[in-house]
Each structure stands twice: as structure tokens, then as C-alpha cells.
Protein backbone atom coordinates (compact mmCIF):
# COMPACT_ATOMS: atom_id res chain seq x y z
CA MET A 1 -0.01 -0.15 -0.36
CA SER A 2 1.52 3.33 -1.06
CA PRO A 3 1.89 5.37 2.43
CA ASP A 4 0.87 8.61 0.63
CA LYS A 5 -2.81 7.53 -0.67
CA THR A 6 -5.43 5.70 0.95
CA PRO A 7 -6.64 2.49 -0.19
CA ALA A 8 -9.72 4.46 -1.70
CA GLU A 9 -7.41 6.47 -3.81
CA GLU A 10 -4.49 3.98 -4.61
CA TYR A 11 -7.56 1.45 -5.96
CA ARG A 12 -8.90 3.93 -8.29
CA GLU A 13 -5.23 4.73 -9.42
CA LEU A 14 -4.32 1.52 -10.20
CA ALA A 15 -7.65 -0.07 -11.31
CA GLY A 16 -8.13 2.96 -13.83
CA ARG A 17 -4.79 1.76 -15.11
CA PHE A 18 -6.25 -1.49 -15.65
CA THR A 19 -9.35 -0.10 -17.36
CA GLU A 20 -7.48 2.01 -19.71
CA ILE A 21 -5.24 -1.37 -20.85
CA ILE A 22 -9.24 -3.29 -20.80
CA GLU A 23 -9.95 -0.43 -23.05
CA GLY A 24 -7.38 -0.52 -25.11
CA VAL A 25 -7.71 -3.75 -26.31
CA PRO A 26 -7.50 -3.49 -29.97
CA ASP A 27 -9.90 -5.77 -30.89
CA GLN A 28 -12.35 -9.05 -29.95
CA ALA A 29 -9.66 -11.76 -31.53
CA ALA A 30 -7.26 -10.22 -29.10
CA TRP A 31 -9.16 -11.25 -26.19
CA ASN A 32 -8.49 -15.06 -27.13
CA ARG A 33 -4.55 -13.90 -26.96
CA ALA A 34 -2.78 -16.01 -24.80
CA ALA A 35 -1.63 -14.60 -21.08
CA PRO A 36 1.61 -14.82 -19.03
CA VAL A 37 -0.16 -16.98 -17.00
CA GLU A 38 0.17 -20.36 -18.51
CA GLY A 39 -3.44 -21.33 -19.58
CA TRP A 40 -4.77 -18.49 -19.73
CA THR A 41 -6.10 -15.70 -21.91
CA ALA A 42 -6.47 -12.09 -22.58
CA ARG A 43 -10.35 -12.35 -21.31
CA ASP A 44 -9.57 -14.84 -18.46
CA VAL A 45 -7.02 -12.32 -16.46
CA VAL A 46 -10.25 -10.16 -16.82
CA ARG A 47 -12.17 -12.87 -15.71
CA HIS A 48 -9.75 -14.12 -13.06
CA LEU A 49 -10.14 -10.79 -11.13
CA VAL A 50 -13.82 -10.46 -10.90
CA GLU A 51 -14.53 -13.75 -10.05
CA TRP A 52 -12.05 -14.43 -7.13
CA PHE A 53 -13.02 -11.34 -5.41
CA PRO A 54 -16.39 -10.82 -4.52
CA PRO A 55 -16.91 -14.25 -2.75
CA PHE A 56 -13.86 -13.28 -0.85
CA LEU A 57 -15.24 -10.28 -0.01
CA GLN A 58 -18.64 -11.52 1.19
CA GLU A 59 -17.22 -14.54 3.62
CA GLY A 60 -14.53 -12.17 4.45
CA ALA A 61 -16.77 -8.73 5.57
CA GLY A 62 -20.12 -9.92 4.74
CA ILE A 63 -19.98 -7.49 1.24
CA THR A 64 -21.92 -8.35 -2.18
CA LEU A 65 -20.65 -6.58 -5.33
CA PRO A 66 -22.96 -5.75 -7.75
CA ALA A 67 -23.31 -8.53 -10.88
CA GLY A 68 -22.13 -7.02 -13.82
CA PRO A 69 -22.24 -9.12 -17.49
CA ASP A 70 -20.62 -12.00 -17.74
CA VAL A 71 -16.65 -11.98 -18.97
CA ASP A 72 -17.34 -13.90 -22.03
CA ASP A 73 -20.31 -11.70 -23.11
CA ASP A 74 -18.76 -8.47 -22.53
CA PRO A 75 -15.14 -7.99 -20.70
CA VAL A 76 -15.12 -4.24 -20.84
CA ALA A 77 -18.70 -3.87 -19.27
CA ALA A 78 -18.11 -6.81 -16.66
CA TRP A 79 -14.92 -4.98 -15.58
CA ARG A 80 -16.40 -1.46 -15.23
CA VAL A 81 -19.70 -2.54 -13.51
CA PHE A 82 -17.09 -4.54 -11.16
CA ASN A 83 -14.87 -1.99 -10.76
CA GLU A 84 -17.20 0.79 -9.86
CA GLY A 85 -18.56 -1.90 -7.16
CA VAL A 86 -15.22 -2.14 -5.83
CA GLN A 87 -14.68 1.67 -5.91
CA ALA A 88 -18.15 2.19 -3.94
CA VAL A 89 -16.70 -0.07 -1.02
CA LEU A 90 -13.86 1.94 -0.28
CA ASP A 91 -15.45 5.18 -1.17
CA ASP A 92 -18.06 4.43 1.71
CA PRO A 93 -17.15 6.77 4.12
CA THR A 94 -18.00 3.64 6.81
CA ALA A 95 -15.17 1.75 5.21
CA GLY A 96 -12.74 2.36 7.84
CA ASP A 97 -15.01 1.03 10.45
CA LYS A 98 -15.45 -2.21 8.68
CA VAL A 99 -13.43 -5.56 9.25
CA PHE A 100 -12.53 -7.99 7.09
CA SER A 101 -11.97 -11.06 8.55
CA HIS A 102 -11.26 -14.61 6.82
CA PRO A 103 -9.97 -17.52 8.23
CA ASN A 104 -6.38 -18.10 5.74
CA THR A 105 -5.71 -14.57 5.83
CA GLY A 106 -6.91 -13.38 9.56
CA GLN A 107 -8.61 -9.55 10.28
CA ALA A 108 -8.13 -6.29 9.21
CA PRO A 109 -9.64 -3.23 8.81
CA LEU A 110 -11.63 -3.38 5.44
CA PRO A 111 -9.79 -0.89 3.19
CA GLN A 112 -6.17 -2.50 3.97
CA ALA A 113 -7.46 -5.73 3.45
CA VAL A 114 -8.90 -4.46 -0.14
CA ALA A 115 -5.28 -2.91 -0.83
CA GLN A 116 -3.68 -5.81 0.38
CA PHE A 117 -4.95 -8.69 -1.41
CA PHE A 118 -6.70 -6.99 -4.53
CA THR A 119 -5.57 -3.68 -5.28
CA ALA A 120 -2.13 -5.52 -5.58
CA ASP A 121 -3.65 -8.42 -8.12
CA VAL A 122 -4.96 -5.62 -10.47
CA PHE A 123 -1.23 -4.20 -10.08
CA MET A 124 0.18 -7.26 -11.27
CA HIS A 125 -2.80 -8.27 -13.42
CA SER A 126 -2.50 -5.07 -15.85
CA TRP A 127 0.86 -5.99 -16.96
CA ASP A 128 -0.32 -9.67 -17.69
CA LEU A 129 -3.68 -8.36 -19.22
CA ALA A 130 -1.15 -5.44 -21.24
CA ARG A 131 1.66 -8.35 -22.62
CA ALA A 132 -1.44 -10.09 -23.82
CA THR A 133 -2.86 -7.76 -25.96
CA GLY A 134 0.08 -5.74 -27.26
CA GLN A 135 -0.11 -2.81 -25.06
CA ASP A 136 2.48 -0.83 -22.70
CA GLU A 137 3.78 -3.98 -20.36
CA THR A 138 4.94 -0.53 -18.33
CA LEU A 139 4.28 -0.77 -14.27
CA ASP A 140 5.40 2.29 -11.70
CA PRO A 141 9.04 1.04 -10.51
CA GLU A 142 7.88 2.49 -7.24
CA ARG A 143 5.12 0.30 -6.85
CA CYS A 144 7.54 -2.49 -8.05
CA ALA A 145 10.19 -2.29 -5.65
CA VAL A 146 7.27 -1.19 -2.74
CA MET A 147 5.75 -5.13 -3.65
CA LEU A 148 9.05 -6.99 -4.18
CA ALA A 149 10.89 -5.92 -0.82
CA GLY A 150 7.09 -7.08 0.55
CA MET A 151 6.94 -10.09 -0.67
CA GLU A 152 10.68 -11.27 -1.04
CA SER A 153 10.42 -12.41 2.75
CA TRP A 154 7.18 -14.12 2.10
CA ASP A 155 8.97 -16.22 -1.10
CA GLU A 156 8.04 -19.74 0.89
CA VAL A 157 4.57 -19.21 1.58
CA LEU A 158 3.49 -17.56 -1.72
CA ARG A 159 5.07 -20.11 -3.85
CA SER A 160 2.93 -23.24 -1.83
CA SER A 161 0.08 -20.82 -2.04
CA GLY A 162 0.02 -22.54 -5.69
CA GLN A 163 -0.99 -18.67 -6.63
CA TYR A 164 2.44 -18.00 -8.25
CA GLY A 165 4.51 -19.83 -10.83
CA PRO A 166 8.50 -20.58 -9.94
CA ARG A 167 10.74 -17.43 -9.71
CA VAL A 168 12.44 -16.76 -13.59
CA ASP A 169 15.76 -16.03 -13.46
CA VAL A 170 17.12 -12.46 -14.70
CA PRO A 171 20.35 -10.95 -15.15
CA ASP A 172 21.90 -9.56 -12.15
CA GLY A 173 21.33 -5.99 -12.07
CA SER A 174 17.67 -6.59 -13.84
CA ASP A 175 15.92 -3.28 -13.14
CA VAL A 176 12.94 -3.31 -11.00
CA GLN A 177 10.10 -4.20 -12.42
CA THR A 178 11.95 -7.06 -14.26
CA ARG A 179 13.07 -8.37 -10.74
CA PHE A 180 8.94 -8.11 -9.54
CA LEU A 181 7.90 -10.11 -12.43
CA ALA A 182 10.51 -12.59 -12.45
CA PHE A 183 9.91 -12.52 -8.76
CA ILE A 184 5.83 -13.48 -9.18
CA GLY A 185 6.59 -16.04 -11.80
CA ARG A 186 6.32 -13.84 -15.21
CA ASP A 187 9.18 -14.14 -17.71
CA PRO A 188 10.11 -10.35 -18.66
CA ARG A 189 11.75 -11.03 -21.68
CA PRO A 190 9.90 -9.77 -24.80
């Protein structure tokens, strides 16, 4: 989480970038291109985000997000409805009073839980969707550095979760985005 932004502001910024990438998908055929996550297409990147988080949020905070169109029918509209719902949760003036509680993650204030578990996921998958659809893959280097520093000590736990692929070897002296992507199991080479 960014120390100079609220979770709502941070989400708005990162989800805004993801929205730009979604809206920049060049044509319908591009949704079927392979994504950097093994076995996924560009459409599956969007599907992942709009499908895993609602039940997690419901279970941990009793919040139901609005349902949008199916990702198979309209990935852009599915994301928009979902994204507006997440932003509304974070913009709610009472959000800071709510507690997120999950058996696998413990308890945290709702905004911090969204930032930790979901906003970070949006950031990582922005690269996946950009790579799959031939768009600008540049990630914020400061955020890459912060996330990499925070995740490295959890290497074994993250790998055993099944949510991250094996670390990819990259040359010494690689830039922070390359090192971050390699850490989360993405091959950042062109």
C-alpha cells in the first residue's frame, strides 16, 4: 500500500490503469490471445479479477458486489460494473470502521484488506493483460520495488499457495520491474 494515498485513492489509480488497458484491447480476437499466466487468455485475466474477489469479500466482510455481464459476453462491461462496485466499497465513509475477517488471512480493517489482497492483484495483472494484448507493459517502478521488498520474505509461503509460478531467472542488475515480474513467476523477456 502506498503511504501517501488512502486505499480508495490507490485503488482508483491502479484500477484506472487496468481500465485503460481493458479499453485498449484492439479487437475481439485479442481477448483470446495467450496471457503470461499458463493456460490463461487475455479474457481470463479479467475473469480472474471479477470472479475471485466477490466471494472473498462476501465471506470476509459480508459485502455483496453488484453483478455485471458475464466476462465471456463483454469483458469490458463486466470489469466496469465490478470496478465501480469495488470503488464504492472503498469510497464508503464507513469503510474504515468495517473489519475484514477471513480464516486464511486473519483480521484487518476493510480498506487495508482490499489494498493488500485485491489492489495488489490488479497491479500485477495489469502487466499480464497489457502483455497479452500488445499494449504498454510499463509498471510503476516504485510500486514494483515496494511489492517486491514486501513479498520476498514470503517467498516459500507464496510459492506453496499455488498462486505464483516458480521464480524466473533474470540477469543480475535487471531493473526493478523485471525483477518483480520474475519473482511472481512471469517471464518478462519480450
